[in-house]
Amino acid sequence: MIINKITIGTVIQFFDTDTQTWTSQTFMAGDEVSYELEDGTPINQTDFEDRVVGKNWYLSYDMKQPNEF
């Protein structure tokens, strides 16, 4: 079963006008998180956590920086 975790947050992107390039970006995750099944049916966090074996349900928010594209 696939469960989607939707996190509301903010992306800050930094542009250098001298070099005319994007230099970096930062994602700041907010507190607002929701979960849904593949078909879009919402479930609550407790239902999500109950389906995870070992309770290892955290995944970091890694983002590629502009020079990595």
N, C-alpha and C. Protein backbone atom coordinates (compact mmCIF):
# COMPACT_ATOMS: atom_id res chain seq x y z
N MET A 1 0.84 -1.18 0.00
CA MET A 1 0.00 0.00 0.00
C MET A 1 0.89 1.24 0.00
N ILE A 2 0.54 2.19 -0.80
CA ILE A 2 1.25 3.47 -0.87
C ILE A 2 0.43 4.51 -0.13
N ILE A 3 1.10 5.25 0.76
CA ILE A 3 0.47 6.37 1.45
C ILE A 3 1.26 7.63 1.12
N ASN A 4 0.56 8.68 0.71
CA ASN A 4 1.20 9.95 0.39
C ASN A 4 1.23 10.82 1.64
N LYS A 5 2.40 11.42 1.91
CA LYS A 5 2.52 12.40 3.00
C LYS A 5 2.66 13.76 2.34
N ILE A 6 1.75 14.67 2.65
CA ILE A 6 1.76 16.01 2.06
C ILE A 6 2.15 17.00 3.15
N THR A 7 3.27 17.70 2.94
CA THR A 7 3.77 18.67 3.91
C THR A 7 3.69 20.06 3.31
N ILE A 8 3.06 20.96 4.02
CA ILE A 8 2.97 22.35 3.59
C ILE A 8 4.19 23.08 4.14
N GLY A 9 4.85 23.87 3.30
CA GLY A 9 6.03 24.59 3.74
C GLY A 9 6.36 25.73 2.81
N THR A 10 7.58 26.20 2.93
CA THR A 10 8.05 27.34 2.15
C THR A 10 9.38 27.02 1.51
N VAL A 11 9.55 27.40 0.26
CA VAL A 11 10.83 27.28 -0.42
C VAL A 11 11.39 28.68 -0.62
N ILE A 12 12.63 28.88 -0.21
CA ILE A 12 13.31 30.15 -0.43
C ILE A 12 14.43 29.88 -1.43
N GLN A 13 14.41 30.59 -2.55
CA GLN A 13 15.43 30.43 -3.59
C GLN A 13 16.24 31.71 -3.69
N PHE A 14 17.55 31.56 -3.83
CA PHE A 14 18.46 32.71 -3.82
C PHE A 14 19.06 32.90 -5.22
N PHE A 15 18.88 34.10 -5.78
CA PHE A 15 19.37 34.43 -7.11
C PHE A 15 20.44 35.51 -7.00
N ASP A 16 21.60 35.30 -7.61
CA ASP A 16 22.71 36.25 -7.60
C ASP A 16 22.63 37.08 -8.89
N THR A 17 22.33 38.36 -8.74
CA THR A 17 22.19 39.22 -9.93
C THR A 17 23.53 39.52 -10.59
N ASP A 18 24.64 39.40 -9.85
CA ASP A 18 25.97 39.62 -10.45
C ASP A 18 26.33 38.50 -11.41
N THR A 19 26.06 37.26 -11.01
CA THR A 19 26.40 36.12 -11.86
C THR A 19 25.22 35.62 -12.69
N GLN A 20 24.02 36.17 -12.41
CA GLN A 20 22.80 35.77 -13.10
C GLN A 20 22.52 34.27 -12.97
N THR A 21 22.74 33.75 -11.75
CA THR A 21 22.50 32.33 -11.50
C THR A 21 21.77 32.15 -10.17
N TRP A 22 21.07 31.05 -10.09
CA TRP A 22 20.48 30.63 -8.82
C TRP A 22 21.61 30.01 -8.01
N THR A 23 21.79 30.45 -6.78
CA THR A 23 22.92 29.98 -5.97
C THR A 23 22.54 28.88 -5.00
N SER A 24 21.33 28.92 -4.47
CA SER A 24 20.92 27.89 -3.51
C SER A 24 19.43 28.00 -3.27
N GLN A 25 18.92 27.03 -2.51
CA GLN A 25 17.53 27.06 -2.10
C GLN A 25 17.39 26.33 -0.78
N THR A 26 16.37 26.72 -0.03
CA THR A 26 16.10 26.13 1.27
C THR A 26 14.62 25.80 1.36
N PHE A 27 14.32 24.64 1.88
CA PHE A 27 12.94 24.26 2.12
C PHE A 27 12.70 24.26 3.63
N MET A 28 11.71 25.01 4.06
CA MET A 28 11.34 25.03 5.47
C MET A 28 9.97 24.37 5.61
N ALA A 29 9.97 23.17 6.17
CA ALA A 29 8.72 22.44 6.35
C ALA A 29 7.90 23.08 7.45
N GLY A 30 6.63 23.18 7.22
CA GLY A 30 5.73 23.71 8.23
C GLY A 30 5.19 22.60 9.11
N ASP A 31 4.31 22.96 10.00
CA ASP A 31 3.70 21.98 10.90
C ASP A 31 2.51 21.27 10.27
N GLU A 32 2.02 21.81 9.16
CA GLU A 32 0.82 21.25 8.53
C GLU A 32 1.18 20.05 7.66
N VAL A 33 0.74 18.87 8.07
CA VAL A 33 1.00 17.63 7.34
C VAL A 33 -0.31 16.86 7.21
N SER A 34 -0.52 16.27 6.05
CA SER A 34 -1.69 15.41 5.88
C SER A 34 -1.25 14.13 5.19
N TYR A 35 -2.08 13.10 5.30
CA TYR A 35 -1.80 11.80 4.71
C TYR A 35 -2.99 11.36 3.89
N GLU A 36 -2.70 10.66 2.80
CA GLU A 36 -3.78 10.14 1.96
C GLU A 36 -3.33 8.86 1.29
N LEU A 37 -4.30 8.03 0.95
CA LEU A 37 -4.02 6.82 0.18
C LEU A 37 -3.80 7.21 -1.28
N GLU A 38 -3.32 6.27 -2.07
CA GLU A 38 -3.04 6.54 -3.49
C GLU A 38 -4.24 7.12 -4.23
N ASP A 39 -5.43 6.70 -3.84
CA ASP A 39 -6.63 7.17 -4.54
C ASP A 39 -7.12 8.53 -4.03
N GLY A 40 -6.37 9.13 -3.08
CA GLY A 40 -6.74 10.44 -2.56
C GLY A 40 -7.58 10.41 -1.30
N THR A 41 -7.92 9.21 -0.82
CA THR A 41 -8.70 9.10 0.40
C THR A 41 -7.85 9.53 1.59
N PRO A 42 -8.29 10.54 2.34
CA PRO A 42 -7.49 11.00 3.47
C PRO A 42 -7.47 9.99 4.62
N ILE A 43 -6.34 9.91 5.31
CA ILE A 43 -6.24 9.15 6.54
C ILE A 43 -5.54 10.04 7.57
N ASN A 44 -5.71 9.74 8.85
CA ASN A 44 -5.06 10.57 9.86
C ASN A 44 -3.67 10.03 10.19
N GLN A 45 -2.88 10.80 10.91
CA GLN A 45 -1.50 10.42 11.20
C GLN A 45 -1.43 9.13 12.01
N THR A 46 -2.35 8.93 12.92
CA THR A 46 -2.35 7.71 13.72
C THR A 46 -2.54 6.48 12.83
N ASP A 47 -3.47 6.56 11.86
CA ASP A 47 -3.67 5.44 10.93
C ASP A 47 -2.40 5.18 10.13
N PHE A 48 -1.71 6.25 9.72
CA PHE A 48 -0.45 6.09 8.99
C PHE A 48 0.59 5.40 9.86
N GLU A 49 0.79 5.90 11.07
CA GLU A 49 1.81 5.35 11.96
C GLU A 49 1.51 3.90 12.33
N ASP A 50 0.24 3.54 12.46
CA ASP A 50 -0.14 2.17 12.78
C ASP A 50 0.22 1.19 11.67
N ARG A 51 0.36 1.68 10.44
CA ARG A 51 0.66 0.81 9.30
C ARG A 51 2.16 0.67 9.04
N VAL A 52 2.99 1.39 9.80
CA VAL A 52 4.43 1.38 9.58
C VAL A 52 5.08 0.42 10.58
N VAL A 53 5.78 -0.59 10.06
CA VAL A 53 6.46 -1.56 10.91
C VAL A 53 7.71 -0.91 11.50
N GLY A 54 7.88 -1.01 12.80
CA GLY A 54 9.07 -0.48 13.46
C GLY A 54 9.03 1.01 13.73
N LYS A 55 7.96 1.69 13.33
CA LYS A 55 7.79 3.12 13.60
C LYS A 55 8.87 4.00 12.99
N ASN A 56 9.53 3.54 11.95
CA ASN A 56 10.54 4.34 11.26
C ASN A 56 9.87 5.10 10.13
N TRP A 57 9.08 6.13 10.48
CA TRP A 57 8.26 6.81 9.48
C TRP A 57 8.74 8.20 9.15
N TYR A 58 9.92 8.60 9.63
CA TYR A 58 10.46 9.92 9.28
C TYR A 58 11.34 9.84 8.05
N LEU A 59 11.20 10.77 7.14
CA LEU A 59 12.06 10.88 5.96
C LEU A 59 12.47 12.34 5.84
N SER A 60 13.77 12.59 5.71
CA SER A 60 14.25 13.98 5.64
C SER A 60 13.82 14.62 4.32
N TYR A 61 13.84 15.94 4.32
CA TYR A 61 13.45 16.71 3.14
C TYR A 61 14.70 17.15 2.39
N ASP A 62 15.32 16.22 1.68
CA ASP A 62 16.51 16.55 0.90
C ASP A 62 16.11 17.24 -0.39
N MET A 63 16.80 18.32 -0.71
CA MET A 63 16.54 19.03 -1.96
C MET A 63 17.85 19.18 -2.71
N LYS A 64 17.80 19.07 -4.03
CA LYS A 64 18.98 19.30 -4.85
C LYS A 64 19.20 20.79 -5.00
N GLN A 65 20.45 21.19 -4.83
CA GLN A 65 20.80 22.59 -5.01
C GLN A 65 20.95 22.89 -6.51
N PRO A 66 20.84 24.14 -6.92
CA PRO A 66 20.85 24.49 -8.35
C PRO A 66 22.07 23.95 -9.10
N ASN A 67 23.24 23.90 -8.50
CA ASN A 67 24.42 23.43 -9.22
C ASN A 67 24.44 21.91 -9.39
N GLU A 68 23.46 21.21 -8.84
CA GLU A 68 23.39 19.76 -8.96
C GLU A 68 22.45 19.32 -10.08
N PHE A 69 21.75 20.25 -10.74
CA PHE A 69 20.79 19.87 -11.77
C PHE A 69 21.48 19.47 -13.04
